[in-house]
Amino acid sequence: MPTYSPKVKEVERAWHVVDAEGLVLGRMATEVARLLRGKHKPEFAPHVDMGDHVIIINADKVVLTGNKATDKQVYRHSGYPGGLHQTSYGDLLASQPAEAVRSTIKGMLPKTRLGQQMLSKLKVYAGPTHPHKAQKPQPHEIAAAQHRTGDS
């Protein structure tokens, strides 16, 4: 019996809406990256873009745990010598919350053309509204993780 390999034409893509209000950034990003890659589907293949479309709303209400808002840095480079810019995650979430969420998810996808194709199916909005009503997206629930307070 030959091994089944999915074809690009056979992939059925769904639309999911994730409400990021009160969710921890990293835990939400791993679940969204899983949806974008298509790992939730039984016919997953790593060489084919099997993923669904994901819309994230309320990106400005995402939560960082611990001291990550001040200690964790975001880096970007202009391409020129001495062009390294760094910003704390707290400042980036305050000024550009959609970009902060998008870059976090981008880091969890493959660094290839396939990963860029997967990232194009991600739409992030800072507010509660989005212009994708015609696609009839289904809400995707991500459990808000309860983190420990240090009690063992």
N, C-alpha and C. Protein backbone atom coordinates (compact mmCIF):
# COMPACT_ATOMS: atom_id res chain seq x y z
N MET A 1 0.85 -1.18 0.00
CA MET A 1 0.00 0.00 0.00
C MET A 1 0.89 1.25 0.00
N PRO A 2 0.74 2.11 -1.00
CA PRO A 2 1.62 3.29 -1.08
C PRO A 2 1.27 4.33 -0.02
N THR A 3 2.26 5.12 0.33
CA THR A 3 2.08 6.19 1.30
C THR A 3 1.27 7.32 0.67
N TYR A 4 0.30 7.83 1.40
CA TYR A 4 -0.54 8.91 0.90
C TYR A 4 0.21 10.24 1.01
N SER A 5 0.23 10.99 -0.05
CA SER A 5 0.83 12.32 -0.04
C SER A 5 -0.22 13.32 -0.53
N PRO A 6 -0.61 14.28 0.31
CA PRO A 6 -1.67 15.22 -0.10
C PRO A 6 -1.20 16.16 -1.20
N LYS A 7 -2.13 16.52 -2.06
CA LYS A 7 -1.84 17.46 -3.14
C LYS A 7 -2.37 18.84 -2.75
N VAL A 8 -1.80 19.87 -3.30
CA VAL A 8 -2.20 21.24 -2.98
C VAL A 8 -3.66 21.48 -3.36
N LYS A 9 -4.12 20.88 -4.45
CA LYS A 9 -5.50 21.06 -4.91
C LYS A 9 -6.51 20.41 -3.97
N GLU A 10 -6.08 19.41 -3.22
CA GLU A 10 -6.99 18.67 -2.34
C GLU A 10 -7.18 19.35 -0.98
N VAL A 11 -6.39 20.36 -0.66
CA VAL A 11 -6.42 20.97 0.66
C VAL A 11 -7.68 21.83 0.81
N GLU A 12 -8.42 21.59 1.88
CA GLU A 12 -9.59 22.40 2.19
C GLU A 12 -9.22 23.33 3.34
N ARG A 13 -9.38 24.62 3.13
CA ARG A 13 -8.98 25.61 4.13
C ARG A 13 -10.21 26.20 4.83
N ALA A 14 -10.14 26.21 6.14
CA ALA A 14 -11.19 26.82 6.94
C ALA A 14 -10.71 28.18 7.43
N TRP A 15 -11.61 28.98 7.95
CA TRP A 15 -11.27 30.27 8.53
C TRP A 15 -11.58 30.22 10.02
N HIS A 16 -10.61 30.65 10.84
CA HIS A 16 -10.76 30.66 12.29
C HIS A 16 -10.58 32.07 12.81
N VAL A 17 -11.36 32.44 13.84
CA VAL A 17 -11.19 33.72 14.54
C VAL A 17 -10.72 33.42 15.95
N VAL A 18 -9.61 34.03 16.35
CA VAL A 18 -9.08 33.86 17.70
C VAL A 18 -9.18 35.21 18.41
N ASP A 19 -9.88 35.22 19.54
CA ASP A 19 -9.98 36.43 20.36
C ASP A 19 -8.83 36.39 21.36
N ALA A 20 -7.87 37.31 21.21
CA ALA A 20 -6.65 37.30 22.01
C ALA A 20 -6.80 37.98 23.36
N GLU A 21 -7.98 38.43 23.70
CA GLU A 21 -8.16 39.17 24.95
C GLU A 21 -7.87 38.27 26.16
N GLY A 22 -6.88 38.65 26.94
CA GLY A 22 -6.52 37.93 28.16
C GLY A 22 -5.67 36.70 27.94
N LEU A 23 -5.30 36.38 26.70
CA LEU A 23 -4.48 35.20 26.43
C LEU A 23 -3.00 35.54 26.56
N VAL A 24 -2.21 34.56 27.00
CA VAL A 24 -0.76 34.71 27.08
C VAL A 24 -0.21 34.65 25.66
N LEU A 25 0.67 35.59 25.31
CA LEU A 25 1.15 35.74 23.94
C LEU A 25 1.77 34.46 23.38
N GLY A 26 2.70 33.86 24.09
CA GLY A 26 3.40 32.68 23.57
C GLY A 26 2.50 31.48 23.41
N ARG A 27 1.61 31.26 24.37
CA ARG A 27 0.71 30.11 24.30
C ARG A 27 -0.30 30.27 23.16
N MET A 28 -0.76 31.49 22.95
CA MET A 28 -1.68 31.74 21.84
C MET A 28 -0.94 31.57 20.52
N ALA A 29 0.30 32.06 20.44
CA ALA A 29 1.05 32.00 19.20
C ALA A 29 1.36 30.56 18.78
N THR A 30 1.63 29.67 19.74
CA THR A 30 1.89 28.28 19.37
C THR A 30 0.66 27.61 18.78
N GLU A 31 -0.50 27.91 19.34
CA GLU A 31 -1.74 27.32 18.82
C GLU A 31 -2.06 27.88 17.43
N VAL A 32 -1.85 29.17 17.23
CA VAL A 32 -2.11 29.78 15.92
C VAL A 32 -1.12 29.25 14.88
N ALA A 33 0.14 29.09 15.25
CA ALA A 33 1.14 28.53 14.33
C ALA A 33 0.77 27.10 13.94
N ARG A 34 0.21 26.35 14.88
CA ARG A 34 -0.24 24.99 14.61
C ARG A 34 -1.38 24.99 13.58
N LEU A 35 -2.31 25.95 13.71
CA LEU A 35 -3.40 26.06 12.74
C LEU A 35 -2.89 26.49 11.37
N LEU A 36 -1.93 27.42 11.34
CA LEU A 36 -1.39 27.91 10.07
C LEU A 36 -0.61 26.82 9.32
N ARG A 37 0.08 25.96 10.06
CA ARG A 37 0.83 24.86 9.44
C ARG A 37 -0.07 23.73 9.01
N GLY A 38 -1.21 23.55 9.69
CA GLY A 38 -2.11 22.46 9.37
C GLY A 38 -1.85 21.21 10.17
N LYS A 39 -1.13 21.33 11.29
CA LYS A 39 -0.79 20.16 12.09
C LYS A 39 -2.00 19.59 12.82
N HIS A 40 -3.11 20.30 12.85
CA HIS A 40 -4.32 19.80 13.49
C HIS A 40 -5.11 18.87 12.57
N LYS A 41 -4.68 18.73 11.34
CA LYS A 41 -5.39 17.89 10.38
C LYS A 41 -4.74 16.50 10.33
N PRO A 42 -5.54 15.46 10.16
CA PRO A 42 -4.96 14.11 10.12
C PRO A 42 -4.11 13.85 8.87
N GLU A 43 -4.34 14.59 7.80
CA GLU A 43 -3.57 14.36 6.57
C GLU A 43 -2.37 15.32 6.46
N PHE A 44 -1.86 15.82 7.59
CA PHE A 44 -0.74 16.77 7.60
C PHE A 44 0.49 16.19 6.91
N ALA A 45 1.12 17.01 6.10
CA ALA A 45 2.40 16.68 5.48
C ALA A 45 3.30 17.91 5.58
N PRO A 46 4.54 17.75 6.02
CA PRO A 46 5.39 18.92 6.25
C PRO A 46 5.81 19.66 4.98
N HIS A 47 5.68 19.03 3.81
CA HIS A 47 6.14 19.67 2.57
C HIS A 47 5.01 20.37 1.82
N VAL A 48 3.78 20.36 2.36
CA VAL A 48 2.63 20.99 1.71
C VAL A 48 2.01 21.98 2.70
N ASP A 49 1.58 23.12 2.17
CA ASP A 49 0.89 24.10 3.01
C ASP A 49 -0.53 23.62 3.23
N MET A 50 -0.75 22.97 4.39
CA MET A 50 -2.05 22.37 4.70
C MET A 50 -2.90 23.28 5.59
N GLY A 51 -2.36 24.43 6.00
CA GLY A 51 -2.97 25.23 7.05
C GLY A 51 -4.22 25.98 6.66
N ASP A 52 -4.89 26.47 7.70
CA ASP A 52 -6.11 27.25 7.56
C ASP A 52 -5.79 28.74 7.69
N HIS A 53 -6.78 29.57 7.38
CA HIS A 53 -6.67 31.00 7.57
C HIS A 53 -7.01 31.32 9.02
N VAL A 54 -6.26 32.24 9.64
CA VAL A 54 -6.50 32.60 11.03
C VAL A 54 -6.60 34.12 11.14
N ILE A 55 -7.65 34.58 11.82
CA ILE A 55 -7.86 36.00 12.09
C ILE A 55 -7.74 36.19 13.59
N ILE A 56 -6.86 37.08 14.01
CA ILE A 56 -6.69 37.37 15.43
C ILE A 56 -7.24 38.76 15.69
N ILE A 57 -8.18 38.85 16.64
CA ILE A 57 -8.74 40.15 17.03
C ILE A 57 -8.33 40.45 18.47
N ASN A 58 -8.43 41.70 18.85
CA ASN A 58 -8.05 42.18 20.18
C ASN A 58 -6.59 41.89 20.50
N ALA A 59 -5.71 42.10 19.53
CA ALA A 59 -4.28 41.86 19.75
C ALA A 59 -3.71 42.82 20.78
N ASP A 60 -4.36 43.95 21.00
CA ASP A 60 -3.85 44.91 21.97
C ASP A 60 -4.13 44.48 23.41
N LYS A 61 -4.92 43.41 23.60
CA LYS A 61 -5.25 42.96 24.95
C LYS A 61 -4.55 41.65 25.31
N VAL A 62 -3.48 41.31 24.58
CA VAL A 62 -2.72 40.10 24.86
C VAL A 62 -1.84 40.35 26.10
N VAL A 63 -1.51 39.27 26.82
CA VAL A 63 -0.82 39.38 28.10
C VAL A 63 0.58 38.77 27.99
N LEU A 64 1.54 39.41 28.63
CA LEU A 64 2.88 38.85 28.79
C LEU A 64 3.07 38.49 30.25
N THR A 65 3.61 37.31 30.52
CA THR A 65 3.80 36.88 31.90
C THR A 65 5.18 37.30 32.41
N GLY A 66 5.31 37.37 33.70
CA GLY A 66 6.60 37.68 34.31
C GLY A 66 7.07 39.08 33.97
N ASN A 67 8.37 39.23 33.78
CA ASN A 67 8.98 40.53 33.45
C ASN A 67 9.24 40.68 31.97
N LYS A 68 8.57 39.88 31.13
CA LYS A 68 8.86 39.91 29.70
C LYS A 68 8.55 41.26 29.06
N ALA A 69 7.61 42.01 29.61
CA ALA A 69 7.26 43.31 29.03
C ALA A 69 8.45 44.27 29.06
N THR A 70 9.31 44.14 30.06
CA THR A 70 10.46 45.04 30.16
C THR A 70 11.76 44.35 29.78
N ASP A 71 11.92 43.07 30.08
CA ASP A 71 13.19 42.39 29.87
C ASP A 71 13.38 41.85 28.46
N LYS A 72 12.32 41.34 27.85
CA LYS A 72 12.43 40.73 26.52
C LYS A 72 12.50 41.82 25.45
N GLN A 73 13.41 41.66 24.52
CA GLN A 73 13.65 42.66 23.49
C GLN A 73 13.25 42.14 22.12
N VAL A 74 12.83 43.05 21.25
CA VAL A 74 12.54 42.76 19.86
C VAL A 74 13.60 43.47 19.04
N TYR A 75 14.24 42.73 18.12
CA TYR A 75 15.31 43.30 17.32
C TYR A 75 14.90 43.40 15.86
N ARG A 76 15.36 44.46 15.20
CA ARG A 76 15.21 44.57 13.76
C ARG A 76 16.44 45.30 13.24
N HIS A 77 16.79 45.06 11.99
CA HIS A 77 18.00 45.63 11.42
C HIS A 77 17.67 46.30 10.11
N SER A 78 18.23 47.49 9.91
CA SER A 78 17.95 48.26 8.70
C SER A 78 18.72 47.73 7.49
N GLY A 79 19.76 46.95 7.73
CA GLY A 79 20.59 46.47 6.64
C GLY A 79 21.87 47.27 6.48
N TYR A 80 21.98 48.35 7.21
CA TYR A 80 23.18 49.19 7.16
C TYR A 80 24.04 48.92 8.39
N PRO A 81 25.34 49.18 8.30
CA PRO A 81 26.20 48.99 9.48
C PRO A 81 25.72 49.86 10.64
N GLY A 82 25.60 49.25 11.80
CA GLY A 82 25.12 49.97 12.97
C GLY A 82 23.62 50.18 12.97
N GLY A 83 22.90 49.46 12.13
CA GLY A 83 21.47 49.67 11.98
C GLY A 83 20.60 48.75 12.82
N LEU A 84 21.15 48.22 13.91
CA LEU A 84 20.37 47.34 14.78
C LEU A 84 19.51 48.18 15.72
N HIS A 85 18.21 47.94 15.72
CA HIS A 85 17.28 48.64 16.59
C HIS A 85 16.66 47.64 17.53
N GLN A 86 16.55 47.98 18.80
CA GLN A 86 15.90 47.09 19.75
C GLN A 86 14.85 47.85 20.53
N THR A 87 13.76 47.14 20.83
CA THR A 87 12.63 47.70 21.55
C THR A 87 12.15 46.64 22.52
N SER A 88 11.66 47.06 23.67
CA SER A 88 11.12 46.07 24.60
C SER A 88 9.74 45.63 24.10
N TYR A 89 9.35 44.42 24.47
CA TYR A 89 8.06 43.89 24.04
C TYR A 89 6.90 44.73 24.57
N GLY A 90 7.04 45.28 25.77
CA GLY A 90 5.99 46.13 26.33
C GLY A 90 5.76 47.37 25.49
N ASP A 91 6.86 48.01 25.03
CA ASP A 91 6.73 49.19 24.19
C ASP A 91 6.12 48.84 22.83
N LEU A 92 6.54 47.70 22.26
CA LEU A 92 6.01 47.30 20.96
C LEU A 92 4.53 46.95 21.07
N LEU A 93 4.11 46.29 22.15
CA LEU A 93 2.69 45.99 22.34
C LEU A 93 1.87 47.25 22.52
N ALA A 94 2.46 48.27 23.15
CA ALA A 94 1.73 49.52 23.34
C ALA A 94 1.58 50.29 22.03
N SER A 95 2.63 50.29 21.18
CA SER A 95 2.58 51.09 19.96
C SER A 95 2.03 50.32 18.76
N GLN A 96 2.45 49.05 18.58
CA GLN A 96 2.03 48.25 17.43
C GLN A 96 1.67 46.84 17.87
N PRO A 97 0.53 46.65 18.51
CA PRO A 97 0.20 45.31 19.03
C PRO A 97 0.05 44.25 17.94
N ALA A 98 -0.48 44.63 16.79
CA ALA A 98 -0.67 43.65 15.72
C ALA A 98 0.68 43.15 15.21
N GLU A 99 1.65 44.03 15.09
CA GLU A 99 2.98 43.64 14.62
C GLU A 99 3.70 42.78 15.64
N ALA A 100 3.50 43.04 16.92
CA ALA A 100 4.13 42.23 17.97
C ALA A 100 3.61 40.80 17.92
N VAL A 101 2.30 40.63 17.75
CA VAL A 101 1.71 39.30 17.69
C VAL A 101 2.15 38.60 16.40
N ARG A 102 2.14 39.34 15.29
CA ARG A 102 2.52 38.76 14.01
C ARG A 102 3.96 38.28 14.01
N SER A 103 4.88 39.06 14.57
CA SER A 103 6.29 38.67 14.58
C SER A 103 6.53 37.49 15.50
N THR A 104 5.75 37.38 16.58
CA THR A 104 5.88 36.22 17.46
C THR A 104 5.47 34.94 16.75
N ILE A 105 4.38 35.00 16.01
CA ILE A 105 3.92 33.83 15.27
C ILE A 105 4.87 33.51 14.12
N LYS A 106 5.41 34.53 13.49
CA LYS A 106 6.34 34.33 12.38
C LYS A 106 7.56 33.54 12.84
N GLY A 107 8.01 33.77 14.06
CA GLY A 107 9.16 33.05 14.58
C GLY A 107 8.90 31.58 14.82
N MET A 108 7.63 31.17 14.84
CA MET A 108 7.27 29.78 15.09
C MET A 108 6.96 29.01 13.81
N LEU A 109 7.07 29.66 12.67
CA LEU A 109 6.81 29.02 11.38
C LEU A 109 8.14 28.71 10.69
N PRO A 110 8.14 27.83 9.69
CA PRO A 110 9.37 27.53 8.97
C PRO A 110 9.95 28.77 8.30
N LYS A 111 11.27 28.83 8.24
CA LYS A 111 11.97 29.99 7.65
C LYS A 111 12.22 29.76 6.16
N THR A 112 11.20 29.34 5.44
CA THR A 112 11.32 29.05 4.01
C THR A 112 10.19 29.73 3.26
N ARG A 113 10.13 29.50 1.94
CA ARG A 113 9.03 30.03 1.15
C ARG A 113 7.70 29.46 1.61
N LEU A 114 7.74 28.24 2.08
CA LEU A 114 6.52 27.61 2.61
C LEU A 114 6.04 28.35 3.86
N GLY A 115 6.97 28.76 4.72
CA GLY A 115 6.60 29.52 5.91
C GLY A 115 6.04 30.89 5.57
N GLN A 116 6.58 31.53 4.54
CA GLN A 116 6.05 32.82 4.10
C GLN A 116 4.64 32.67 3.56
N GLN A 117 4.39 31.56 2.87
CA GLN A 117 3.05 31.29 2.34
C GLN A 117 2.07 31.06 3.49
N MET A 118 2.52 30.38 4.54
CA MET A 118 1.66 30.15 5.70
C MET A 118 1.36 31.46 6.42
N LEU A 119 2.36 32.32 6.54
CA LEU A 119 2.19 33.60 7.23
C LEU A 119 1.23 34.52 6.49
N SER A 120 1.11 34.35 5.18
CA SER A 120 0.18 35.20 4.41
C SER A 120 -1.27 34.90 4.75
N LYS A 121 -1.54 33.75 5.39
CA LYS A 121 -2.91 33.41 5.77
C LYS A 121 -3.26 33.91 7.16
N LEU A 122 -2.36 34.68 7.78
CA LEU A 122 -2.60 35.24 9.11
C LEU A 122 -3.01 36.70 8.99
N LYS A 123 -4.11 37.06 9.64
CA LYS A 123 -4.59 38.44 9.68
C LYS A 123 -4.70 38.83 11.15
N VAL A 124 -4.04 39.93 11.54
CA VAL A 124 -4.03 40.36 12.94
C VAL A 124 -4.60 41.76 13.02
N TYR A 125 -5.53 41.97 13.96
CA TYR A 125 -6.16 43.27 14.15
C TYR A 125 -6.12 43.63 15.63
N ALA A 126 -5.79 44.88 15.91
CA ALA A 126 -5.68 45.35 17.29
C ALA A 126 -7.04 45.45 17.96
N GLY A 127 -8.06 45.78 17.22
CA GLY A 127 -9.40 45.98 17.78
C GLY A 127 -10.28 44.74 17.65
N PRO A 128 -11.54 44.88 18.03
CA PRO A 128 -12.46 43.73 18.02
C PRO A 128 -13.13 43.46 16.68
N THR A 129 -12.90 44.28 15.67
CA THR A 129 -13.57 44.08 14.38
C THR A 129 -12.57 43.65 13.32
N HIS A 130 -13.09 42.97 12.29
CA HIS A 130 -12.26 42.57 11.15
C HIS A 130 -13.11 42.58 9.89
N PRO A 131 -12.50 42.77 8.71
CA PRO A 131 -13.28 42.87 7.46
C PRO A 131 -13.49 41.54 6.73
N HIS A 132 -13.43 40.41 7.45
CA HIS A 132 -13.50 39.10 6.79
C HIS A 132 -14.81 38.37 7.11
N LYS A 133 -15.90 39.09 7.25
CA LYS A 133 -17.19 38.48 7.57
C LYS A 133 -17.69 37.58 6.44
N ALA A 134 -17.36 37.92 5.20
CA ALA A 134 -17.85 37.16 4.05
C ALA A 134 -17.29 35.73 4.02
N GLN A 135 -16.15 35.49 4.65
CA GLN A 135 -15.56 34.16 4.67
C GLN A 135 -16.19 33.26 5.73
N LYS A 136 -17.07 33.81 6.55
CA LYS A 136 -17.77 33.08 7.62
C LYS A 136 -16.78 32.34 8.53
N PRO A 137 -15.89 33.07 9.19
CA PRO A 137 -14.91 32.40 10.06
C PRO A 137 -15.57 31.84 11.31
N GLN A 138 -15.06 30.70 11.76
CA GLN A 138 -15.57 30.05 12.96
C GLN A 138 -14.69 30.44 14.15
N PRO A 139 -15.28 30.70 15.31
CA PRO A 139 -14.46 31.04 16.48
C PRO A 139 -13.65 29.84 16.93
N HIS A 140 -12.40 30.08 17.25
CA HIS A 140 -11.50 29.03 17.74
C HIS A 140 -11.13 29.37 19.18
N GLU A 141 -11.49 28.51 20.09
CA GLU A 141 -11.24 28.76 21.51
C GLU A 141 -9.85 28.27 21.90
N ILE A 142 -9.10 29.14 22.53
CA ILE A 142 -7.82 28.78 23.12
C ILE A 142 -7.96 29.00 24.61
N ALA A 143 -7.72 27.97 25.38
CA ALA A 143 -7.90 28.05 26.83
C ALA A 143 -6.88 29.02 27.42
N ALA A 144 -7.36 29.94 28.23
CA ALA A 144 -6.45 30.86 28.92
C ALA A 144 -5.71 30.06 29.98
N ALA A 145 -4.41 29.92 29.81
CA ALA A 145 -3.61 29.09 30.73
C ALA A 145 -3.49 29.75 32.09
N GLN A 146 -3.67 28.98 33.09
CA GLN A 146 -3.51 29.47 34.46
C GLN A 146 -2.07 29.23 34.84
N HIS A 147 -1.30 30.30 35.02
CA HIS A 147 0.10 30.10 35.39
C HIS A 147 0.23 30.06 36.91
N ARG A 148 1.26 29.33 37.34
CA ARG A 148 1.47 29.15 38.77
C ARG A 148 2.00 30.41 39.42
N THR A 149 1.72 30.54 40.70
CA THR A 149 2.19 31.71 41.45
C THR A 149 3.48 31.43 42.20
N GLY A 150 4.06 30.26 41.98
CA GLY A 150 5.30 29.91 42.67
C GLY A 150 5.08 28.94 43.81
N ASP A 151 3.84 28.53 44.06
CA ASP A 151 3.56 27.57 45.12
C ASP A 151 3.88 26.17 44.61
N SER A 152 4.66 25.44 45.35
CA SER A 152 5.00 24.06 44.93
C SER A 152 4.54 23.06 45.95
